[in-house]
Protein backbone atom coordinates (compact mmCIF):
# COMPACT_ATOMS: atom_id res chain seq x y z
CA UNK A 1 -19.86 -0.54 -11.87
CA UNK A 2 -18.15 1.39 -14.48
CA UNK A 3 -20.80 2.56 -17.28
CA UNK A 4 -18.41 3.92 -20.40
CA UNK A 5 -17.41 1.41 -22.71
CA UNK A 6 -16.79 0.70 -26.60
CA UNK A 7 -16.48 3.65 -28.93
CA UNK A 8 -17.58 6.31 -26.37
CA UNK A 9 -14.54 5.24 -24.08
CA UNK A 10 -12.06 5.29 -26.85
CA UNK A 11 -13.01 8.60 -28.22
CA UNK A 12 -12.47 9.88 -24.51
CA UNK A 13 -8.96 8.07 -24.45
CA UNK A 14 -7.45 9.03 -27.28
CA UNK A 15 -7.31 12.53 -25.88
CA UNK A 16 -5.02 11.43 -23.63
CA UNK A 17 -1.25 9.98 -23.50
CA UNK A 18 0.28 7.72 -20.74
CA UNK A 19 2.93 9.49 -18.07
CA UNK A 20 3.81 7.24 -15.03
CA UNK A 21 2.56 8.96 -11.52
CA UNK A 22 5.11 9.53 -9.06
CA UNK A 23 5.05 10.81 -5.21
CA UNK A 24 5.86 14.43 -5.20
CA UNK A 25 9.41 15.66 -3.88
CA UNK A 26 7.84 17.09 -0.64
CA UNK A 27 6.37 13.77 0.12
CA UNK A 28 10.19 11.87 -0.10
CA UNK A 29 12.10 14.64 1.14
CA UNK A 30 9.89 14.82 4.40
CA UNK A 31 10.20 11.04 5.29
CA UNK A 32 7.47 8.92 3.99
CA UNK A 33 7.33 7.01 7.78
CA UNK A 34 6.89 10.37 9.86
CA UNK A 35 5.10 12.05 6.80
CA UNK A 36 2.19 9.00 7.35
CA UNK A 37 2.72 8.41 11.11
CA UNK A 38 4.39 11.42 12.70
CA UNK A 39 7.98 11.81 14.65
CA UNK A 40 6.31 9.48 17.70
CA UNK A 41 6.28 6.26 15.33
CA UNK A 42 10.46 5.44 15.94
CA UNK A 43 9.25 5.19 19.54
CA UNK A 44 6.64 2.13 18.76
CA UNK A 45 9.60 0.06 16.93
CA UNK A 46 12.88 0.96 19.20
CA UNK A 47 14.24 -1.92 20.55
CA UNK A 48 11.68 -4.19 18.84
CA UNK A 49 11.50 -6.79 15.89
CA UNK A 50 10.27 -5.83 12.72
CA UNK A 51 8.81 -6.97 9.54
CA UNK A 52 8.45 -4.88 6.76
CA UNK A 53 5.60 -6.75 4.93
CA UNK A 54 6.07 -5.53 1.01
CA UNK A 55 9.32 -3.84 1.84
CA UNK A 56 9.80 -2.84 -2.10
CA UNK A 57 13.12 -1.14 -2.38
CA UNK A 58 13.91 -1.34 1.48
CA UNK A 59 13.92 2.58 2.33
CA UNK A 60 11.33 2.29 5.00
CA UNK A 61 13.05 -0.95 6.52
CA UNK A 62 16.75 0.86 6.68
CA UNK A 63 15.14 3.57 8.05
CA UNK A 64 13.66 1.75 11.09
CA UNK A 65 17.06 0.10 11.28
CA UNK A 66 18.44 3.20 11.61
CA UNK A 67 16.05 4.54 14.23
CA UNK A 68 16.53 2.20 17.22
CA UNK A 69 14.81 -1.11 15.70
CA UNK A 70 16.73 -4.15 17.28
CA UNK A 71 16.04 -6.28 14.08
CA UNK A 72 14.41 -5.35 10.75
CA UNK A 73 13.18 -7.77 8.31
CA UNK A 74 12.35 -6.67 4.94
CA UNK A 75 9.83 -8.96 3.01
CA UNK A 76 9.61 -8.68 -0.59
CA UNK A 77 8.59 -10.96 -3.80
CA UNK A 78 9.97 -8.87 -6.41
CA UNK A 79 13.94 -9.97 -6.86
CA UNK A 80 14.72 -6.67 -8.47
CA UNK A 81 13.30 -4.75 -5.34
CA UNK A 82 15.28 -7.48 -3.24
CA UNK A 83 18.69 -6.92 -4.90
CA UNK A 84 18.30 -3.20 -4.67
CA UNK A 85 17.35 -3.49 -0.99
CA UNK A 86 20.40 -5.35 -0.31
CA UNK A 87 22.79 -3.33 -2.15
CA UNK A 88 21.90 -0.28 0.21
CA UNK A 89 21.77 -2.26 3.24
CA UNK A 90 25.28 -3.73 2.56
CA UNK A 91 26.81 0.19 1.49
CA UNK A 92 25.35 1.33 4.81
CA UNK A 93 27.33 -1.30 6.74
CA UNK A 94 23.82 -2.14 8.76
CA UNK A 95 23.67 -5.44 10.95
CA UNK A 96 20.15 -5.27 12.13
CA UNK A 97 18.71 -5.01 9.23
CA UNK A 98 18.17 -8.14 6.01
CA UNK A 99 16.08 -8.46 3.22
CA UNK A 100 14.47 -11.81 2.26
CA UNK A 101 11.29 -13.20 0.02
CA UNK A 102 10.50 -15.89 2.68
CA UNK A 103 10.18 -15.32 6.51
CA UNK A 104 8.70 -17.83 8.97
CA UNK A 105 9.32 -16.36 12.81
CA UNK A 106 7.21 -14.08 14.69
CA UNK A 107 7.76 -10.23 15.33
CA UNK A 108 6.93 -7.49 17.86
CA UNK A 109 5.82 -5.11 14.95
CA UNK A 110 4.74 -5.82 11.24
CA UNK A 111 4.59 -2.79 8.84
CA UNK A 112 2.64 -2.54 5.72
CA UNK A 113 2.86 0.86 3.59
CA UNK A 114 1.03 0.88 0.14
CA UNK A 115 0.56 -2.46 -0.36
CA UNK A 116 -2.93 -3.62 0.57
CA UNK A 117 -4.18 -2.07 -2.58
CA UNK A 118 -1.83 -4.40 -4.44
CA UNK A 119 -2.18 -7.73 -2.40
CA UNK A 120 -3.70 -10.67 -4.83
CA UNK A 121 -5.33 -12.42 -1.84
CA UNK A 122 -5.52 -9.49 1.22
CA UNK A 123 -7.59 -11.87 2.87
CA UNK A 124 -4.45 -14.35 3.14
CA UNK A 125 -2.00 -11.69 3.87
CA UNK A 126 -3.96 -10.45 6.92
CA UNK A 127 -4.18 -14.12 8.19
CA UNK A 128 -0.39 -14.74 7.53
CA UNK A 129 0.46 -11.49 9.15
CA UNK A 130 -1.62 -12.68 12.18
CA UNK A 131 0.45 -15.79 12.36
CA UNK A 132 3.92 -13.87 12.09
CA UNK A 133 2.87 -11.55 14.91
CA UNK A 134 4.01 -12.05 18.54
CA UNK A 135 1.15 -12.00 21.27
CA UNK A 136 0.71 -8.18 22.18
CA UNK A 137 2.54 -7.28 18.84
CA UNK A 138 1.16 -4.65 16.31
CA UNK A 139 0.36 -4.42 12.59
CA UNK A 140 0.67 -0.78 11.29
CA UNK A 141 -0.83 -0.22 8.06
CA UNK A 142 -1.10 2.41 5.73
CA UNK A 143 -2.08 2.11 1.81
CA UNK A 144 -3.62 4.70 -0.55
CA UNK A 145 -5.09 5.45 -2.83
CA UNK A 146 -8.25 3.89 -1.67
CA UNK A 147 -10.28 2.49 -4.93
CA UNK A 148 -12.97 5.06 -5.05
CA UNK A 149 -10.41 8.00 -4.74
CA UNK A 150 -10.06 10.14 -7.79
CA UNK A 151 -6.68 8.47 -8.65
CA UNK A 152 -7.50 5.05 -7.28
CA UNK A 153 -7.15 3.31 -10.06
CA UNK A 154 -3.44 4.66 -10.65
CA UNK A 155 -4.20 5.58 -14.44
CA UNK A 156 -2.98 9.13 -15.39
CA UNK A 157 -6.79 10.46 -16.51
CA UNK A 158 -9.23 12.67 -15.18
CA UNK A 159 -10.65 12.13 -11.51
CA UNK A 160 -12.91 8.62 -11.09
CA UNK A 161 -11.85 7.54 -14.70
CA UNK A 162 -11.43 4.02 -13.43
CA UNK A 163 -14.69 3.98 -12.18
CA UNK A 164 -16.43 5.70 -15.22
CA UNK A 165 -14.84 3.70 -17.75
CA UNK A 166 -14.65 -0.16 -18.28
CA UNK A 167 -11.73 -2.11 -17.30
CA UNK A 168 -11.50 -3.62 -20.85
CA UNK A 169 -11.40 -0.22 -22.47
CA UNK A 170 -8.79 1.29 -20.01
CA UNK A 171 -6.90 -1.96 -20.18
CA UNK A 172 -6.85 -1.66 -23.89
CA UNK A 173 -5.91 1.87 -23.73
CA UNK A 174 -3.05 1.18 -21.52
CA UNK A 175 -1.75 -1.44 -23.79
CA UNK A 176 -0.39 1.18 -26.41
CA UNK A 177 2.11 2.11 -23.87
CA UNK A 178 2.71 -0.78 -21.68
CA UNK A 179 4.10 -4.07 -22.90
CA UNK A 180 3.51 -6.28 -20.04
CA UNK A 181 0.17 -8.09 -21.71
CA UNK A 182 -1.82 -7.43 -18.76
CA UNK A 183 -5.62 -7.37 -19.57
CA UNK A 184 -6.97 -6.95 -15.93
CA UNK A 185 -6.38 -4.52 -13.18
CA UNK A 186 -4.80 -7.20 -11.10
CA UNK A 187 -2.32 -8.42 -13.82
CA UNK A 188 -0.28 -4.94 -14.12
CA UNK A 189 3.19 -4.67 -12.00
CA UNK A 190 2.23 -4.79 -8.67
CA UNK A 191 -1.63 -5.67 -9.37
CA UNK A 192 -4.61 -3.59 -8.39
CA UNK A 193 -7.43 -5.34 -6.06
CA UNK A 194 -10.02 -2.35 -6.29
CA UNK A 195 -9.57 -2.06 -2.24
CA UNK A 196 -11.96 0.35 -1.05
CA UNK A 197 -12.59 1.67 2.65
CA UNK A 198 -15.34 -0.62 3.11
CA UNK A 199 -13.74 -3.79 1.65
CA UNK A 200 -10.48 -3.21 3.91
CA UNK A 201 -13.06 -2.94 7.04
CA UNK A 202 -14.72 -6.33 6.00
CA UNK A 203 -11.13 -8.19 5.17
CA UNK A 204 -10.13 -7.21 8.56
CA UNK A 205 -13.41 -8.28 10.68
CA UNK A 206 -13.25 -11.46 8.84
CA UNK A 207 -9.74 -12.03 9.87
CA UNK A 208 -7.73 -13.30 13.11
CA UNK A 209 -6.82 -9.46 13.35
CA UNK A 210 -8.97 -6.62 15.18
CA UNK A 211 -8.57 -2.71 14.73
CA UNK A 212 -7.05 -1.07 17.70
CA UNK A 213 -7.10 2.34 15.81
CA UNK A 214 -8.66 3.14 12.40
CA UNK A 215 -8.25 6.71 10.37
CA UNK A 216 -9.43 7.36 7.14
CA UNK A 217 -7.27 10.46 6.26
CA UNK A 218 -9.23 12.98 3.68
CA UNK A 219 -7.81 14.71 0.80
CA UNK A 220 -6.56 17.68 1.93
CA UNK A 221 -8.48 20.19 -0.41
CA UNK A 222 -11.85 18.25 0.44
CA UNK A 223 -11.67 17.84 4.26
CA UNK A 224 -14.49 19.90 5.02
CA UNK A 225 -16.58 17.31 2.85
CA UNK A 226 -15.31 14.22 4.26
CA UNK A 227 -17.50 12.52 6.65
CA UNK A 228 -19.08 8.77 6.88
CA UNK A 229 -21.12 9.19 3.78
CA UNK A 230 -18.49 10.78 1.40
CA UNK A 231 -15.12 9.10 2.88
CA UNK A 232 -14.87 6.16 -0.18
CA UNK A 233 -14.79 8.92 -2.57
CA UNK A 234 -12.50 11.56 -0.42
CA UNK A 235 -10.19 9.17 1.49
CA UNK A 236 -6.48 9.86 0.45
CA UNK A 237 -4.89 7.30 2.91
CA UNK A 238 -6.34 4.81 5.27
CA UNK A 239 -3.95 4.22 8.15
CA UNK A 240 -4.88 1.50 11.24
CA UNK A 241 -3.33 -0.24 13.89
CA UNK A 242 -4.19 -4.01 14.06
CA UNK A 243 -3.68 -6.39 16.96
CA UNK A 244 -4.63 -9.84 17.66
CA UNK A 245 -8.31 -10.47 18.01
CA UNK A 246 -7.80 -12.46 21.27
CA UNK A 247 -5.28 -10.44 22.95
């Protein structure tokens, strides 16, 4: 629980100005999917139907369509993202890829990248993924930063500012630079559900899915300190594969 608020928080925050955080050029240039899962990822989707759950502007869905997936469906609720994804798909002439805000069939593989820290009801998302997954299929997940990562609050401040400073103080400071009216973490664009490593494990344990593989990827600079006791603070990315609990 945050411990610094009020006047002291204002004095601290007045030293900072907002700047949007973006992934580094090396991360984009390397190819996000291969950076996260390695080049053997394509073998897992070749010839299969794939649902990119929370596809954003569709870059990863299009990449999978180009790397051998039989069919790729990009599922996204933000219409602006869908418009960009559809325009890109059309410009490439891809016929095995489409984008929609609704989907109700079963697929071989579900991919979720950088979404589980944003879903409003991640428990319901896991249930829905289980419903949309064919028997014997796999859900491949990667998300980060987890909530207790130094930058887990997605605020352009000092490490763990979102843990030390109260939500009220942080959102009031943010309102000087953003005009969306958000007053809670979950109200910002995309939402922030404070997804920690432990919280994700508990949600999966209560879901119709189970872990087939689970990995906490350490922050590179602190990998020698990364262990079960420190993983909440020093995990950069959570990666896992989920399957039906009854398979």
